[in-house]
Amino acid sequence: MTCWSAEDAAGSAERQAHRPARRAAVLGHPIGHSKSPALHRAAYASLGFDCGYEAIDLTEQAVDGFIAGIRDPGAPDWAGLSVTMPLKAALVPHMDEVSDLVGRLGVLNTVVVSRDAGGRVRLSGHNTDVAGIVGALRHAGAPETARAVVLGAGGTAAAAVAALAQLGAVSVTICLRAPEKAAALAGLAAGFGLPCEVLPLEAAAGCLEAADVVVSTLPPRAADPLAGELELEDARVVPDRGGKVLLDVAYDPWPSRIAAAWQAQGGTIVAGIEMLIYQAVVQVRLFSGPLFHDAAAATNVMCDAVGVPRR
């Protein structure tokens, strides 16, 4: 993990001489758990993309200074940034342009850094989380026309709603601690033509009974109380979750308690690392440009880097 400073962002001639030609990083707080450096470095090596990649611990309060450093004429030649919590919304106002998807979701997880004809740095925001969720659920065999449940209400929950719409879900129930804060998510679902119900997190166990697909966007261990309710169900009568899929975007520890309970009841579980790999493939394509030529090969190299079976 690298802790950011203004000097680090701007760089110096001496330090840049020992760095790869380009630079990329994952930003977030905390960030020490991130698998993104292993994924990106493996993909870059396979592509021959001369770019470093590191983890930078960055708080929301430090975003302004960090972006100013990247825009500094003396800064390293950045290729792009991966963005995780709590910065997915905080970076949007700093972009020179955003994709249509970012415009709809209000959050990004990817920043492509380029220079215009005058040498000025330009930042474009993208969201590859949607592609990551779609890829992970499809690989797990998630049913089409599914009744879906999303646990949580942050930026990843917004991406989950968009992904479920792409997959053809027939409805989505959003369960969160403060249902009054779900207006934006409900509006997003409506915009995709996806019937939506909002319920308190305490009601989630009952919703899971009828769910074909569940996406938990809760922080690690935050779903443990819900898992406890599922385990109590298992003690009374074992529900049949055969063919039903749960994606837990948290991947440490794995299996999470809720994933273990779901699997014990016959359901299919998908770790967040799968989503991370699929979204990282799109990031690598955006960062490396014409060097990128084989998505399947890049996916398998990244799987190898984190010990996940090849696709």
C-alpha atoms as a PDB file:
ATOM      1  CA  MET A   1       0.000   0.000   0.000  1.00  0.00           C
ATOM      2  CA  THR A   2       1.221   3.486  -0.830  1.00  0.00           C
ATOM      3  CA  CYS A   3       0.087   6.520   1.179  1.00  0.00           C
ATOM      4  CA  TRP A   4      -0.314   9.529  -1.079  1.00  0.00           C
ATOM      5  CA  SER A   5       1.333  12.917  -0.755  1.00  0.00           C
ATOM      6  CA  ALA A   6       1.318  15.921  -3.079  1.00  0.00           C
ATOM      7  CA  GLU A   7       5.020  15.382  -3.802  1.00  0.00           C
ATOM      8  CA  ASP A   8       4.336  11.785  -4.759  1.00  0.00           C
ATOM      9  CA  ALA A   9       1.607  12.769  -7.229  1.00  0.00           C
ATOM     10  CA  ALA A  10       3.729  15.391  -8.955  1.00  0.00           C
ATOM     11  CA  GLY A  11       6.851  13.213  -8.862  1.00  0.00           C
ATOM     12  CA  SER A  12      10.439  14.276  -9.433  1.00  0.00           C
ATOM     13  CA  ALA A  13      12.790  13.743 -12.347  1.00  0.00           C
ATOM     14  CA  GLU A  14      15.021  11.490 -10.277  1.00  0.00           C
ATOM     15  CA  ARG A  15      12.195   9.204  -9.103  1.00  0.00           C
ATOM     16  CA  GLN A  16      10.501   9.081 -12.509  1.00  0.00           C
ATOM     17  CA  ALA A  17      13.753   7.812 -14.053  1.00  0.00           C
ATOM     18  CA  HIS A  18      13.338   4.567 -12.124  1.00  0.00           C
ATOM     19  CA  ARG A  19       9.643   4.087 -12.902  1.00  0.00           C
ATOM     20  CA  PRO A  20       7.873   2.434 -15.840  1.00  0.00           C
ATOM     21  CA  ALA A  21       6.891   4.714 -18.697  1.00  0.00           C
ATOM     22  CA  ARG A  22       3.283   4.954 -17.482  1.00  0.00           C
ATOM     23  CA  ARG A  23       1.635   4.881 -14.083  1.00  0.00           C
ATOM     24  CA  ALA A  24      -1.696   3.575 -12.780  1.00  0.00           C
ATOM     25  CA  ALA A  25      -3.171   2.923  -9.352  1.00  0.00           C
ATOM     26  CA  VAL A  26      -6.194   1.893  -7.332  1.00  0.00           C
ATOM     27  CA  LEU A  27      -7.510   4.577  -4.982  1.00  0.00           C
ATOM     28  CA  GLY A  28      -9.553   4.010  -1.839  1.00  0.00           C
ATOM     29  CA  HIS A  29      -9.624   4.036   1.944  1.00  0.00           C
ATOM     30  CA  PRO A  30      -8.734   1.577   3.351  1.00  0.00           C
ATOM     31  CA  ILE A  31      -6.927  -0.042   0.446  1.00  0.00           C
ATOM     32  CA  GLY A  32      -4.479  -2.566   1.881  1.00  0.00           C
ATOM     33  CA  HIS A  33      -6.772  -5.510   1.077  1.00  0.00           C
ATOM     34  CA  SER A  34      -7.054  -4.712  -2.641  1.00  0.00           C
ATOM     35  CA  LYS A  35      -6.274  -7.444  -5.180  1.00  0.00           C
ATOM     36  CA  SER A  36      -6.229  -4.915  -8.035  1.00  0.00           C
ATOM     37  CA  PRO A  37      -2.412  -4.509  -8.109  1.00  0.00           C
ATOM     38  CA  ALA A  38      -1.923  -8.258  -8.613  1.00  0.00           C
ATOM     39  CA  LEU A  39      -4.555  -8.341 -11.368  1.00  0.00           C
ATOM     40  CA  HIS A  40      -3.331  -5.319 -13.296  1.00  0.00           C
ATOM     41  CA  ARG A  41       0.370  -6.103 -13.023  1.00  0.00           C
ATOM     42  CA  ALA A  42      -0.198  -9.605 -14.378  1.00  0.00           C
ATOM     43  CA  ALA A  43      -2.233  -8.272 -17.305  1.00  0.00           C
ATOM     44  CA  TYR A  44       0.280  -5.518 -18.098  1.00  0.00           C
ATOM     45  CA  ALA A  45       3.152  -8.014 -18.135  1.00  0.00           C
ATOM     46  CA  SER A  46       1.280 -10.272 -20.552  1.00  0.00           C
ATOM     47  CA  LEU A  47       0.516  -7.322 -22.846  1.00  0.00           C
ATOM     48  CA  GLY A  48       3.981  -5.786 -22.703  1.00  0.00           C
ATOM     49  CA  PHE A  49       2.378  -2.601 -21.345  1.00  0.00           C
ATOM     50  CA  ASP A  50       5.135  -0.594 -19.642  1.00  0.00           C
ATOM     51  CA  CYS A  51       3.030   0.680 -16.752  1.00  0.00           C
ATOM     52  CA  GLY A  52       3.358   0.448 -12.998  1.00  0.00           C
ATOM     53  CA  TYR A  53       0.342  -0.134 -10.769  1.00  0.00           C
ATOM     54  CA  GLU A  54       0.055   0.509  -7.047  1.00  0.00           C
ATOM     55  CA  ALA A  55      -2.470   0.889  -4.248  1.00  0.00           C
ATOM     56  CA  ILE A  56      -2.864   4.429  -2.923  1.00  0.00           C
ATOM     57  CA  ASP A  57      -4.696   5.102   0.333  1.00  0.00           C
ATOM     58  CA  LEU A  58      -6.765   8.211  -0.338  1.00  0.00           C
ATOM     59  CA  THR A  59      -9.550   9.763   1.731  1.00  0.00           C
ATOM     60  CA  GLU A  60     -12.373  11.906   0.368  1.00  0.00           C
ATOM     61  CA  GLN A  61     -10.808  14.947   2.040  1.00  0.00           C
ATOM     62  CA  ALA A  62      -7.591  14.465   0.046  1.00  0.00           C
ATOM     63  CA  VAL A  63      -9.177  14.065  -3.400  1.00  0.00           C
ATOM     64  CA  ASP A  64      -8.821  17.716  -4.473  1.00  0.00           C
ATOM     65  CA  GLY A  65      -5.098  17.759  -3.811  1.00  0.00           C
ATOM     66  CA  PHE A  66      -4.536  14.403  -5.469  1.00  0.00           C
ATOM     67  CA  ILE A  67      -6.317  15.398  -8.669  1.00  0.00           C
ATOM     68  CA  ALA A  68      -4.395  18.681  -8.734  1.00  0.00           C
ATOM     69  CA  GLY A  69      -1.207  16.639  -8.525  1.00  0.00           C
ATOM     70  CA  ILE A  70      -2.184  14.475 -11.476  1.00  0.00           C
ATOM     71  CA  ARG A  71      -2.999  17.561 -13.536  1.00  0.00           C
ATOM     72  CA  ASP A  72       0.354  19.154 -12.648  1.00  0.00           C
ATOM     73  CA  PRO A  73       2.531  19.524 -15.798  1.00  0.00           C
ATOM     74  CA  GLY A  74       5.400  17.812 -13.969  1.00  0.00           C
ATOM     75  CA  ALA A  75       3.372  14.794 -12.901  1.00  0.00           C
ATOM     76  CA  PRO A  76       4.177  11.270 -14.107  1.00  0.00           C
ATOM     77  CA  ASP A  77       2.504  10.036 -17.282  1.00  0.00           C
ATOM     78  CA  TRP A  78      -0.609   8.495 -15.786  1.00  0.00           C
ATOM     79  CA  ALA A  79      -2.592   5.912 -17.753  1.00  0.00           C
ATOM     80  CA  GLY A  80      -5.533   5.536 -15.406  1.00  0.00           C
ATOM     81  CA  LEU A  81      -7.022   5.015 -11.988  1.00  0.00           C
ATOM     82  CA  SER A  82      -9.170   2.303 -10.479  1.00  0.00           C
ATOM     83  CA  VAL A  83     -11.497   3.724  -7.852  1.00  0.00           C
ATOM     84  CA  THR A  84     -13.078   1.996  -4.885  1.00  0.00           C
ATOM     85  CA  MET A  85     -14.904   3.059  -1.739  1.00  0.00           C
ATOM     86  CA  PRO A  86     -15.422   5.718  -0.560  1.00  0.00           C
ATOM     87  CA  LEU A  87     -14.412   7.637  -3.681  1.00  0.00           C
ATOM     88  CA  LYS A  88     -16.776   6.428  -6.422  1.00  0.00           C
ATOM     89  CA  ALA A  89     -18.999   9.493  -6.213  1.00  0.00           C
ATOM     90  CA  ALA A  90     -16.366  11.911  -4.922  1.00  0.00           C
ATOM     91  CA  LEU A  91     -14.290  11.789  -8.121  1.00  0.00           C
ATOM     92  CA  VAL A  92     -17.165  12.383 -10.538  1.00  0.00           C
ATOM     93  CA  PRO A  93     -17.105  16.232 -10.259  1.00  0.00           C
ATOM     94  CA  HIS A  94     -13.386  16.209 -11.106  1.00  0.00           C
ATOM     95  CA  MET A  95     -13.874  14.590 -14.521  1.00  0.00           C
ATOM     96  CA  ASP A  96     -13.619  16.457 -17.812  1.00  0.00           C
ATOM     97  CA  GLU A  97     -16.117  13.999 -19.251  1.00  0.00           C
ATOM     98  CA  VAL A  98     -17.987  10.907 -18.119  1.00  0.00           C
ATOM     99  CA  SER A  99     -19.545   7.958 -19.915  1.00  0.00           C
ATOM    100  CA  ASP A 100     -23.313   7.765 -20.317  1.00  0.00           C
ATOM    101  CA  LEU A 101     -23.375   5.013 -17.705  1.00  0.00           C
ATOM    102  CA  VAL A 102     -21.581   7.166 -15.123  1.00  0.00           C
ATOM    103  CA  GLY A 103     -24.021   9.950 -15.920  1.00  0.00           C
ATOM    104  CA  ARG A 104     -26.922   7.654 -15.103  1.00  0.00           C
ATOM    105  CA  LEU A 105     -25.423   5.994 -12.029  1.00  0.00           C
ATOM    106  CA  GLY A 106     -23.694   9.022 -10.520  1.00  0.00           C
ATOM    107  CA  VAL A 107     -20.660   6.901  -9.632  1.00  0.00           C
ATOM    108  CA  LEU A 108     -17.493   5.769 -11.376  1.00  0.00           C
ATOM    109  CA  ASN A 109     -14.833   3.198 -10.667  1.00  0.00           C
ATOM    110  CA  THR A 110     -12.441   3.974 -13.504  1.00  0.00           C
ATOM    111  CA  VAL A 111     -10.610   7.109 -14.636  1.00  0.00           C
ATOM    112  CA  VAL A 112      -8.758   7.191 -17.950  1.00  0.00           C
ATOM    113  CA  VAL A 113      -5.983   9.801 -18.041  1.00  0.00           C
ATOM    114  CA  SER A 114      -4.978  11.296 -21.385  1.00  0.00           C
ATOM    115  CA  ARG A 115      -3.551  14.512 -22.809  1.00  0.00           C
ATOM    116  CA  ASP A 116      -5.079  16.801 -25.384  1.00  0.00           C
ATOM    117  CA  ALA A 117      -3.255  18.350 -28.344  1.00  0.00           C
ATOM    118  CA  GLY A 118      -1.940  21.081 -26.061  1.00  0.00           C
ATOM    119  CA  GLY A 119      -0.510  18.595 -23.571  1.00  0.00           C
ATOM    120  CA  ARG A 120      -3.142  19.285 -20.924  1.00  0.00           C
ATOM    121  CA  VAL A 121      -4.296  16.351 -18.823  1.00  0.00           C
ATOM    122  CA  ARG A 122      -7.860  15.191 -19.399  1.00  0.00           C
ATOM    123  CA  LEU A 123      -9.760  12.833 -17.124  1.00  0.00           C
ATOM    124  CA  SER A 124     -12.655  10.679 -18.310  1.00  0.00           C
ATOM    125  CA  GLY A 125     -14.816   8.687 -15.912  1.00  0.00           C
ATOM    126  CA  HIS A 126     -16.186   5.208 -16.605  1.00  0.00           C
ATOM    127  CA  ASN A 127     -17.992   2.488 -14.697  1.00  0.00           C
ATOM    128  CA  THR A 128     -16.766  -1.067 -15.286  1.00  0.00           C
ATOM    129  CA  ASP A 129     -18.453  -2.452 -12.154  1.00  0.00           C
ATOM    130  CA  VAL A 130     -21.584  -3.109 -14.212  1.00  0.00           C
ATOM    131  CA  ALA A 131     -19.632  -5.255 -16.671  1.00  0.00           C
ATOM    132  CA  GLY A 132     -17.960  -6.993 -13.724  1.00  0.00           C
ATOM    133  CA  ILE A 133     -21.265  -7.940 -12.117  1.00  0.00           C
ATOM    134  CA  VAL A 134     -22.781  -9.056 -15.436  1.00  0.00           C
ATOM    135  CA  GLY A 135     -19.736 -11.219 -16.218  1.00  0.00           C
ATOM    136  CA  ALA A 136     -19.600 -12.814 -12.764  1.00  0.00           C
ATOM    137  CA  LEU A 137     -23.317 -13.630 -12.690  1.00  0.00           C
ATOM    138  CA  ARG A 138     -23.341 -15.006 -16.229  1.00  0.00           C
ATOM    139  CA  HIS A 139     -20.341 -17.219 -15.521  1.00  0.00           C
ATOM    140  CA  ALA A 140     -22.149 -18.565 -12.451  1.00  0.00           C
ATOM    141  CA  GLY A 141     -25.177 -19.458 -14.556  1.00  0.00           C
ATOM    142  CA  ALA A 142     -27.545 -16.879 -13.078  1.00  0.00           C
ATOM    143  CA  PRO A 143     -31.019 -17.370 -14.539  1.00  0.00           C
ATOM    144  CA  GLU A 144     -32.486 -14.877 -16.964  1.00  0.00           C
ATOM    145  CA  THR A 145     -35.761 -13.118 -16.077  1.00  0.00           C
ATOM    146  CA  ALA A 146     -34.720 -13.388 -12.435  1.00  0.00           C
ATOM    147  CA  ARG A 147     -36.371 -12.002  -9.353  1.00  0.00           C
ATOM    148  CA  ALA A 148     -33.438 -10.152  -7.809  1.00  0.00           C
ATOM    149  CA  VAL A 149     -32.458  -8.734  -4.439  1.00  0.00           C
ATOM    150  CA  VAL A 150     -29.729  -6.149  -3.836  1.00  0.00           C
ATOM    151  CA  LEU A 151     -28.387  -5.718  -0.319  1.00  0.00           C
ATOM    152  CA  GLY A 152     -26.975  -2.244   0.362  1.00  0.00           C
ATOM    153  CA  ALA A 153     -27.283   1.161  -1.235  1.00  0.00           C
ATOM    154  CA  GLY A 154     -23.861   2.507  -2.173  1.00  0.00           C
ATOM    155  CA  GLY A 155     -22.176   2.970  -5.532  1.00  0.00           C
ATOM    156  CA  THR A 156     -21.828  -0.762  -6.099  1.00  0.00           C
ATOM    157  CA  ALA A 157     -25.548  -1.209  -5.430  1.00  0.00           C
ATOM    158  CA  ALA A 158     -26.248   1.250  -8.244  1.00  0.00           C
ATOM    159  CA  ALA A 159     -24.004  -0.786 -10.538  1.00  0.00           C
ATOM    160  CA  ALA A 160     -25.835  -3.949  -9.436  1.00  0.00           C
ATOM    161  CA  VAL A 161     -29.208  -2.472 -10.402  1.00  0.00           C
ATOM    162  CA  ALA A 162     -27.860  -1.556 -13.850  1.00  0.00           C
ATOM    163  CA  ALA A 163     -26.308  -5.011 -14.269  1.00  0.00           C
ATOM    164  CA  LEU A 164     -29.525  -6.777 -13.299  1.00  0.00           C
ATOM    165  CA  ALA A 165     -31.418  -4.680 -15.823  1.00  0.00           C
ATOM    166  CA  GLN A 166     -28.917  -5.722 -18.506  1.00  0.00           C
ATOM    167  CA  LEU A 167     -29.380  -9.361 -17.537  1.00  0.00           C
ATOM    168  CA  GLY A 168     -33.135  -9.138 -17.952  1.00  0.00           C
ATOM    169  CA  ALA A 169     -34.262  -9.305 -14.327  1.00  0.00           C
ATOM    170  CA  VAL A 170     -38.032  -8.994 -13.944  1.00  0.00           C
ATOM    171  CA  SER A 171     -37.883  -7.198 -10.604  1.00  0.00           C
ATOM    172  CA  VAL A 172     -35.469  -6.013  -7.940  1.00  0.00           C
ATOM    173  CA  THR A 173     -35.912  -5.576  -4.208  1.00  0.00           C
ATOM    174  CA  ILE A 174     -33.399  -3.281  -2.534  1.00  0.00           C
ATOM    175  CA  CYS A 175     -32.804  -3.914   1.157  1.00  0.00           C
ATOM    176  CA  LEU A 176     -30.860  -1.335   3.137  1.00  0.00           C
ATOM    177  CA  ARG A 177     -30.544   0.004   6.665  1.00  0.00           C
ATOM    178  CA  ALA A 178     -32.166   3.345   5.860  1.00  0.00           C
ATOM    179  CA  PRO A 179     -34.877   2.841   3.205  1.00  0.00           C
ATOM    180  CA  GLU A 180     -35.558   6.587   3.102  1.00  0.00           C
ATOM    181  CA  LYS A 181     -32.158   6.981   1.415  1.00  0.00           C
ATOM    182  CA  ALA A 182     -33.039   4.720  -1.510  1.00  0.00           C
ATOM    183  CA  ALA A 183     -34.845   7.279  -3.686  1.00  0.00           C
ATOM    184  CA  ALA A 184     -31.968   7.556  -6.154  1.00  0.00           C
ATOM    185  CA  LEU A 185     -31.661   3.784  -6.489  1.00  0.00           C
ATOM    186  CA  ALA A 186     -35.392   3.376  -6.956  1.00  0.00           C
ATOM    187  CA  GLY A 187     -35.334   6.098  -9.601  1.00  0.00           C
ATOM    188  CA  LEU A 188     -32.415   4.367 -11.323  1.00  0.00           C
ATOM    189  CA  ALA A 189     -34.344   1.085 -11.458  1.00  0.00           C
ATOM    190  CA  ALA A 190     -37.392   2.896 -12.840  1.00  0.00           C
ATOM    191  CA  GLY A 191     -35.224   4.453 -15.524  1.00  0.00           C
ATOM    192  CA  PHE A 192     -34.180   0.977 -16.626  1.00  0.00           C
ATOM    193  CA  GLY A 193     -37.807  -0.162 -16.624  1.00  0.00           C
ATOM    194  CA  LEU A 194     -37.111  -2.500 -13.712  1.00  0.00           C
ATOM    195  CA  PRO A 195     -39.906  -2.849 -11.129  1.00  0.00           C
ATOM    196  CA  CYS A 196     -38.417  -2.022  -7.732  1.00  0.00           C
ATOM    197  CA  GLU A 197     -39.363  -2.411  -4.091  1.00  0.00           C
ATOM    198  CA  VAL A 198     -37.407  -0.891  -1.198  1.00  0.00           C
ATOM    199  CA  LEU A 199     -37.389  -2.577   2.202  1.00  0.00           C
ATOM    200  CA  PRO A 200     -35.408  -2.284   5.433  1.00  0.00           C
ATOM    201  CA  LEU A 201     -32.465  -4.647   5.791  1.00  0.00           C
ATOM    202  CA  GLU A 202     -34.279  -6.376   8.647  1.00  0.00           C
ATOM    203  CA  ALA A 203     -36.792  -7.695   6.097  1.00  0.00           C
ATOM    204  CA  ALA A 204     -34.143  -9.161   3.789  1.00  0.00           C
ATOM    205  CA  ALA A 205     -34.380 -12.765   5.003  1.00  0.00           C
ATOM    206  CA  GLY A 206     -37.984 -12.988   3.862  1.00  0.00           C
ATOM    207  CA  CYS A 207     -37.106 -11.478   0.477  1.00  0.00           C
ATOM    208  CA  LEU A 208     -34.379 -14.029  -0.140  1.00  0.00           C
ATOM    209  CA  GLU A 209     -36.940 -16.828   0.013  1.00  0.00           C
ATOM    210  CA  ALA A 210     -38.275 -15.918  -3.435  1.00  0.00           C
ATOM    211  CA  ALA A 211     -35.059 -14.519  -4.930  1.00  0.00           C
ATOM    212  CA  ASP A 212     -33.371 -16.114  -7.949  1.00  0.00           C
ATOM    213  CA  VAL A 213     -30.352 -13.778  -7.802  1.00  0.00           C
ATOM    214  CA  VAL A 214     -28.945 -11.885  -4.817  1.00  0.00           C
ATOM    215  CA  VAL A 215     -26.163  -9.298  -4.952  1.00  0.00           C
ATOM    216  CA  SER A 216     -24.762  -8.283  -1.584  1.00  0.00           C
ATOM    217  CA  THR A 217     -22.877  -4.993  -1.753  1.00  0.00           C
ATOM    218  CA  LEU A 218     -22.514  -4.778   2.031  1.00  0.00           C
ATOM    219  CA  PRO A 219     -19.065  -4.376   3.618  1.00  0.00           C
ATOM    220  CA  PRO A 220     -17.268  -7.488   4.894  1.00  0.00           C
ATOM    221  CA  ARG A 221     -19.207  -9.182   7.749  1.00  0.00           C
ATOM    222  CA  ALA A 222     -22.061  -6.657   7.553  1.00  0.00           C
ATOM    223  CA  ALA A 223     -24.340  -9.419   6.257  1.00  0.00           C
ATOM    224  CA  ASP A 224     -23.490 -11.773   9.152  1.00  0.00           C
ATOM    225  CA  PRO A 225     -26.773 -11.081  11.036  1.00  0.00           C
ATOM    226  CA  LEU A 226     -28.717 -11.955   7.889  1.00  0.00           C
ATOM    227  CA  ALA A 227     -26.633 -15.097   7.506  1.00  0.00           C
ATOM    228  CA  GLY A 228     -27.605 -16.013  11.059  1.00  0.00           C
ATOM    229  CA  GLU A 229     -31.274 -15.858  10.058  1.00  0.00           C
ATOM    230  CA  LEU A 230     -30.613 -18.144   7.095  1.00  0.00           C
ATOM    231  CA  GLU A 231     -28.778 -20.583   9.337  1.00  0.00           C
ATOM    232  CA  LEU A 232     -31.792 -20.694  11.668  1.00  0.00           C
ATOM    233  CA  GLU A 233     -33.984 -21.469   8.660  1.00  0.00           C
ATOM    234  CA  ASP A 234     -31.597 -24.271   7.769  1.00  0.00           C
ATOM    235  CA  ALA A 235     -31.976 -25.713  11.276  1.00  0.00           C
ATOM    236  CA  ARG A 236     -35.764 -25.830  10.909  1.00  0.00           C
ATOM    237  CA  VAL A 237     -36.185 -26.863   7.300  1.00  0.00           C
ATOM    238  CA  VAL A 238     -33.617 -26.760   4.523  1.00  0.00           C
ATOM    239  CA  PRO A 239     -34.755 -24.352   1.766  1.00  0.00           C
ATOM    240  CA  ASP A 240     -34.060 -25.448  -1.795  1.00  0.00           C
ATOM    241  CA  ARG A 241     -31.894 -22.793  -3.406  1.00  0.00           C
ATOM    242  CA  GLY A 242     -30.777 -24.980  -6.304  1.00  0.00           C
ATOM    243  CA  GLY A 243     -30.092 -22.861  -9.398  1.00  0.00           C
ATOM    244  CA  LYS A 244     -30.202 -19.648  -7.399  1.00  0.00           C
ATOM    245  CA  VAL A 245     -27.129 -17.407  -7.275  1.00  0.00           C
ATOM    246  CA  LEU A 246     -25.663 -15.146  -4.603  1.00  0.00           C
ATOM    247  CA  LEU A 247     -22.848 -12.749  -5.472  1.00  0.00           C
ATOM    248  CA  ASP A 248     -21.121 -11.252  -2.446  1.00  0.00           C
ATOM    249  CA  VAL A 249     -18.932  -8.385  -3.654  1.00  0.00           C
ATOM    250  CA  ALA A 250     -16.850  -8.681  -0.488  1.00  0.00           C
ATOM    251  CA  TYR A 251     -14.124 -11.284  -0.980  1.00  0.00           C
ATOM    252  CA  ASP A 252     -12.285 -11.297   2.335  1.00  0.00           C
ATOM    253  CA  PRO A 253     -13.015 -13.470   4.226  1.00  0.00           C
ATOM    254  CA  TRP A 254     -14.243 -16.039   1.735  1.00  0.00           C
ATOM    255  CA  PRO A 255     -16.554 -17.723   1.880  1.00  0.00           C
ATOM    256  CA  SER A 256     -18.388 -15.048   3.809  1.00  0.00           C
ATOM    257  CA  ARG A 257     -20.899 -16.225   6.374  1.00  0.00           C
ATOM    258  CA  ILE A 258     -23.860 -15.382   4.149  1.00  0.00           C
ATOM    259  CA  ALA A 259     -22.249 -17.174   1.197  1.00  0.00           C
ATOM    260  CA  ALA A 260     -21.605 -20.272   3.305  1.00  0.00           C
ATOM    261  CA  ALA A 261     -25.237 -20.291   4.496  1.00  0.00           C
ATOM    262  CA  TRP A 262     -26.515 -19.877   0.934  1.00  0.00           C
ATOM    263  CA  GLN A 263     -24.308 -22.697  -0.347  1.00  0.00           C
ATOM    264  CA  ALA A 264     -25.358 -24.980   2.501  1.00  0.00           C
ATOM    265  CA  GLN A 265     -28.940 -24.581   1.259  1.00  0.00           C
ATOM    266  CA  GLY A 266     -28.000 -25.666  -2.258  1.00  0.00           C
ATOM    267  CA  GLY A 267     -27.416 -22.260  -3.832  1.00  0.00           C
ATOM    268  CA  THR A 268     -24.544 -21.148  -6.057  1.00  0.00           C
ATOM    269  CA  ILE A 269     -22.135 -18.592  -4.592  1.00  0.00           C
ATOM    270  CA  VAL A 270     -19.887 -16.118  -6.389  1.00  0.00           C
ATOM    271  CA  ALA A 271     -17.049 -14.275  -4.667  1.00  0.00           C
ATOM    272  CA  GLY A 272     -16.393 -10.598  -5.241  1.00  0.00           C
ATOM    273  CA  ILE A 273     -13.000 -11.486  -6.701  1.00  0.00           C
ATOM    274  CA  GLU A 274     -14.863 -12.810  -9.771  1.00  0.00           C
ATOM    275  CA  MET A 275     -16.566  -9.457 -10.261  1.00  0.00           C
ATOM    276  CA  LEU A 276     -13.225  -7.742  -9.685  1.00  0.00           C
ATOM    277  CA  ILE A 277     -11.561  -9.763 -12.439  1.00  0.00           C
ATOM    278  CA  TYR A 278     -14.266  -9.104 -15.018  1.00  0.00           C
ATOM    279  CA  GLN A 279     -14.337  -5.363 -14.341  1.00  0.00           C
ATOM    280  CA  ALA A 280     -10.526  -5.209 -14.347  1.00  0.00           C
ATOM    281  CA  VAL A 281     -10.402  -6.673 -17.859  1.00  0.00           C
ATOM    282  CA  VAL A 282     -12.335  -3.650 -19.109  1.00  0.00           C
ATOM    283  CA  GLN A 283     -10.090  -1.293 -17.124  1.00  0.00           C
ATOM    284  CA  VAL A 284      -6.961  -2.845 -18.637  1.00  0.00           C
ATOM    285  CA  ARG A 285      -8.436  -2.373 -22.115  1.00  0.00           C
ATOM    286  CA  LEU A 286      -9.152   1.290 -21.374  1.00  0.00           C
ATOM    287  CA  PHE A 287      -5.704   1.924 -19.894  1.00  0.00           C
ATOM    288  CA  SER A 288      -3.576   0.016 -22.413  1.00  0.00           C
ATOM    289  CA  GLY A 289      -5.361   1.061 -25.606  1.00  0.00           C
ATOM    290  CA  PRO A 290      -4.099  -0.589 -28.826  1.00  0.00           C
ATOM    291  CA  LEU A 291      -1.933  -3.077 -26.923  1.00  0.00           C
ATOM    292  CA  PHE A 292      -5.068  -4.842 -25.716  1.00  0.00           C
ATOM    293  CA  HIS A 293      -6.164  -7.560 -28.121  1.00  0.00           C
ATOM    294  CA  ASP A 294      -7.430 -10.659 -26.299  1.00  0.00           C
ATOM    295  CA  ALA A 295      -9.935 -10.328 -23.449  1.00  0.00           C
ATOM    296  CA  ALA A 296      -9.981 -14.080 -22.754  1.00  0.00           C
ATOM    297  CA  ALA A 297      -6.198 -14.255 -22.424  1.00  0.00           C
ATOM    298  CA  ALA A 298      -6.143 -11.210 -20.126  1.00  0.00           C
ATOM    299  CA  THR A 299      -8.891 -12.744 -17.997  1.00  0.00           C
ATOM    300  CA  ASN A 300      -7.010 -16.006 -17.562  1.00  0.00           C
ATOM    301  CA  VAL A 301      -3.724 -14.293 -16.706  1.00  0.00           C
ATOM    302  CA  MET A 302      -5.515 -12.343 -13.975  1.00  0.00           C
ATOM    303  CA  CYS A 303      -7.224 -15.503 -12.705  1.00  0.00           C
ATOM    304  CA  ASP A 304      -3.797 -17.102 -12.379  1.00  0.00           C
ATOM    305  CA  ALA A 305      -2.502 -14.087 -10.455  1.00  0.00           C
ATOM    306  CA  VAL A 306      -5.071 -14.487  -7.661  1.00  0.00           C
ATOM    307  CA  GLY A 307      -5.543 -18.254  -7.705  1.00  0.00           C
ATOM    308  CA  VAL A 308      -8.981 -18.325  -9.346  1.00  0.00           C
ATOM    309  CA  PRO A 309      -9.785 -21.107 -11.862  1.00  0.00           C
ATOM    310  CA  ARG A 310      -9.420 -20.012 -15.457  1.00  0.00           C
ATOM    311  CA  ARG A 311     -12.548 -19.124 -17.382  1.00  0.00           C
END
